[in-house]
């Protein structure tokens, strides 16, 4: 169950929560959504966990690694089940750090939407820069299924009018290579 923690207490029942996350990820085996709204830029499934499980002072790296691996597994299952009619769609997992509760699996229906999130540059919110000398998969020992590649982006976003900011890393796993590769 995806839920924001309203307290800063230590999470209980972590093994049970991770088993539930594994069952969720395995529910994607052999399945690809048939009815995608082509008027949307992408569709996504956010990580279904308690926020304190993956971020905050009680989050453990081993649990974060397990959660990241499950998102990558879902990406691999969707890529394996992707039909030819969806060949122009990009399937990715997005691991956000340090705000890992924002992590999700995405199917980008428009190439432009993917490039807005996963390329170097700037927009009205801030800047993004590619991470070229590191690999989250190597650092965390993540296993990448066939057809899954990695792309890291450093983000520095600020919104003065809405009073929010995001500074961190977003790691994309999946169909992230340029279309001609």
Protein backbone atom coordinates (compact mmCIF):
# COMPACT_ATOMS: atom_id res chain seq x y z
CA UNK A 1 0.00 0.00 0.00
CA UNK A 2 1.34 3.43 -0.96
CA UNK A 3 1.05 5.82 1.96
CA UNK A 4 2.73 8.95 3.27
CA UNK A 5 3.95 8.55 6.83
CA UNK A 6 2.60 11.23 9.12
CA UNK A 7 5.03 10.35 11.91
CA UNK A 8 8.78 9.90 11.99
CA UNK A 9 8.60 6.54 13.73
CA UNK A 10 10.61 3.51 12.71
CA UNK A 11 8.73 1.30 10.23
CA UNK A 12 7.56 -2.05 11.56
CA UNK A 13 6.95 -5.22 9.55
CA UNK A 14 9.62 -4.54 6.92
CA UNK A 15 9.91 -8.19 5.71
CA UNK A 16 6.13 -8.37 5.23
CA UNK A 17 6.13 -5.04 3.36
CA UNK A 18 8.94 -6.22 1.08
CA UNK A 19 7.09 -9.49 0.35
CA UNK A 20 4.06 -7.42 -0.62
CA UNK A 21 6.21 -5.27 -2.91
CA UNK A 22 7.60 -8.43 -4.53
CA UNK A 23 4.07 -9.74 -5.17
CA UNK A 24 3.15 -6.35 -6.68
CA UNK A 25 6.15 -6.46 -9.02
CA UNK A 26 5.41 -10.04 -10.09
CA UNK A 27 1.84 -9.06 -10.99
CA UNK A 28 3.35 -7.35 -14.07
CA UNK A 29 4.81 -10.58 -15.48
CA UNK A 30 3.40 -11.18 -18.97
CA UNK A 31 1.18 -8.08 -18.84
CA UNK A 32 1.22 -4.81 -20.74
CA UNK A 33 -1.62 -2.26 -20.49
CA UNK A 34 -3.90 -2.41 -23.53
CA UNK A 35 -5.86 0.79 -22.99
CA UNK A 36 -3.38 3.64 -22.80
CA UNK A 37 -4.71 7.18 -23.18
CA UNK A 38 -2.74 8.48 -26.13
CA UNK A 39 -3.67 12.03 -25.13
CA UNK A 40 -1.39 11.65 -22.10
CA UNK A 41 2.40 12.05 -22.23
CA UNK A 42 3.01 9.01 -20.01
CA UNK A 43 1.38 6.67 -17.55
CA UNK A 44 3.03 5.53 -14.35
CA UNK A 45 2.80 3.38 -11.25
CA UNK A 46 4.37 4.87 -8.13
CA UNK A 47 6.18 2.62 -5.73
CA UNK A 48 3.52 1.12 -3.42
CA UNK A 49 5.24 1.47 -0.05
CA UNK A 50 5.08 3.53 3.11
CA UNK A 51 7.17 6.70 2.63
CA UNK A 52 9.26 6.07 5.79
CA UNK A 53 10.33 2.75 4.31
CA UNK A 54 12.40 4.43 1.57
CA UNK A 55 13.23 7.93 2.81
CA UNK A 56 13.85 9.73 6.07
CA UNK A 57 16.02 9.00 9.06
CA UNK A 58 14.86 5.39 9.50
CA UNK A 59 15.23 4.31 5.85
CA UNK A 60 17.83 1.59 5.39
CA UNK A 61 19.98 1.28 2.28
CA UNK A 62 19.26 -2.46 2.02
CA UNK A 63 15.53 -1.73 1.88
CA UNK A 64 16.04 1.03 -0.69
CA UNK A 65 18.06 -1.37 -2.83
CA UNK A 66 15.30 -4.01 -2.62
CA UNK A 67 12.66 -1.42 -3.60
CA UNK A 68 14.76 -0.14 -6.51
CA UNK A 69 15.28 -3.70 -7.73
CA UNK A 70 11.53 -4.36 -7.70
CA UNK A 71 10.90 -1.25 -9.82
CA UNK A 72 13.58 -2.38 -12.27
CA UNK A 73 12.04 -5.87 -12.36
CA UNK A 74 8.63 -4.36 -13.26
CA UNK A 75 10.30 -2.41 -16.05
CA UNK A 76 11.87 -5.60 -17.38
CA UNK A 77 8.52 -7.45 -17.24
CA UNK A 78 6.76 -4.65 -19.15
CA UNK A 79 9.52 -4.51 -21.79
CA UNK A 80 9.29 -8.29 -22.27
CA UNK A 81 5.49 -8.11 -22.67
CA UNK A 82 5.41 -4.96 -24.84
CA UNK A 83 3.48 -5.59 -28.07
CA UNK A 84 4.61 -4.35 -31.49
CA UNK A 85 1.86 -1.70 -31.56
CA UNK A 86 3.59 -0.08 -28.57
CA UNK A 87 7.09 -0.16 -30.08
CA UNK A 88 7.38 3.65 -30.05
CA UNK A 89 6.68 3.81 -26.28
CA UNK A 90 9.56 3.91 -23.80
CA UNK A 91 9.30 1.77 -20.68
CA UNK A 92 11.40 2.99 -17.75
CA UNK A 93 11.80 2.81 -14.02
CA UNK A 94 12.58 6.13 -12.35
CA UNK A 95 14.51 5.97 -9.07
CA UNK A 96 14.52 9.37 -7.34
CA UNK A 97 17.13 10.17 -4.70
CA UNK A 98 16.95 11.32 -1.98
CA UNK A 99 13.15 11.51 -2.44
CA UNK A 100 12.72 7.83 -3.23
CA UNK A 101 9.00 7.86 -2.42
CA UNK A 102 8.58 9.64 -5.78
CA UNK A 103 10.06 6.61 -7.61
CA UNK A 104 7.88 4.91 -10.19
CA UNK A 105 7.59 2.82 -13.34
CA UNK A 106 6.70 4.88 -16.42
CA UNK A 107 5.55 4.16 -19.93
CA UNK A 108 6.32 7.26 -21.97
CA UNK A 109 3.83 7.58 -24.82
CA UNK A 110 5.65 10.58 -26.30
CA UNK A 111 9.37 10.75 -26.99
CA UNK A 112 9.34 14.46 -26.12
CA UNK A 113 8.04 13.73 -22.61
CA UNK A 114 10.85 11.27 -21.96
CA UNK A 115 13.47 13.72 -23.22
CA UNK A 116 12.05 16.48 -21.00
CA UNK A 117 12.75 14.29 -17.97
CA UNK A 118 15.91 12.46 -19.00
CA UNK A 119 18.15 14.83 -20.93
CA UNK A 120 20.54 17.62 -20.08
CA UNK A 121 19.27 21.18 -20.17
CA UNK A 122 17.04 23.65 -18.48
CA UNK A 123 13.45 24.77 -18.31
CA UNK A 124 11.31 27.14 -16.26
CA UNK A 125 11.86 25.03 -13.13
CA UNK A 126 15.64 24.64 -13.21
CA UNK A 127 18.39 22.55 -14.73
CA UNK A 128 19.28 18.93 -15.36
CA UNK A 129 22.73 17.50 -16.00
CA UNK A 130 23.62 13.97 -17.07
CA UNK A 131 25.56 11.83 -14.59
CA UNK A 132 28.33 10.25 -16.62
CA UNK A 133 30.94 8.88 -14.21
CA UNK A 134 28.73 6.84 -11.90
CA UNK A 135 26.35 3.91 -12.03
CA UNK A 136 23.66 3.40 -9.40
CA UNK A 137 23.35 -0.21 -10.59
CA UNK A 138 27.02 -0.83 -9.74
CA UNK A 139 26.91 1.14 -6.48
CA UNK A 140 23.85 -0.70 -5.21
CA UNK A 141 24.45 -4.10 -6.87
CA UNK A 142 21.25 -3.92 -8.91
CA UNK A 143 20.55 -6.61 -11.52
CA UNK A 144 19.42 -5.28 -14.88
CA UNK A 145 17.20 -7.62 -16.93
CA UNK A 146 17.66 -7.99 -20.70
CA UNK A 147 16.82 -4.78 -22.55
CA UNK A 148 17.22 -2.61 -19.44
CA UNK A 149 19.89 0.13 -19.49
CA UNK A 150 20.75 2.95 -17.08
CA UNK A 151 20.79 6.76 -17.31
CA UNK A 152 21.42 9.14 -14.40
CA UNK A 153 20.36 12.78 -14.26
CA UNK A 154 21.23 15.38 -11.62
CA UNK A 155 18.27 17.75 -11.05
CA UNK A 156 18.14 21.20 -9.49
CA UNK A 157 14.54 22.43 -9.67
CA UNK A 158 13.01 25.35 -7.82
CA UNK A 159 9.63 27.03 -8.00
CA UNK A 160 9.50 30.44 -6.31
CA UNK A 161 5.73 30.83 -6.65
CA UNK A 162 4.82 27.40 -5.21
CA UNK A 163 7.67 27.33 -2.66
CA UNK A 164 9.07 23.89 -3.53
CA UNK A 165 12.45 22.61 -4.66
CA UNK A 166 14.05 19.35 -5.71
CA UNK A 167 17.78 18.82 -5.66
CA UNK A 168 19.00 15.31 -6.21
CA UNK A 169 19.42 12.51 -8.68
CA UNK A 170 17.00 10.65 -10.89
CA UNK A 171 18.12 7.31 -12.24
CA UNK A 172 16.23 5.95 -15.22
CA UNK A 173 16.38 2.23 -15.97
CA UNK A 174 14.86 0.60 -19.03
CA UNK A 175 14.59 1.81 -22.59
CA UNK A 176 16.77 4.87 -22.06
CA UNK A 177 19.20 4.70 -24.95
CA UNK A 178 18.72 7.06 -27.90
CA UNK A 179 16.16 5.76 -30.38
CA UNK A 180 18.82 4.97 -33.00
CA UNK A 181 20.89 2.74 -30.65
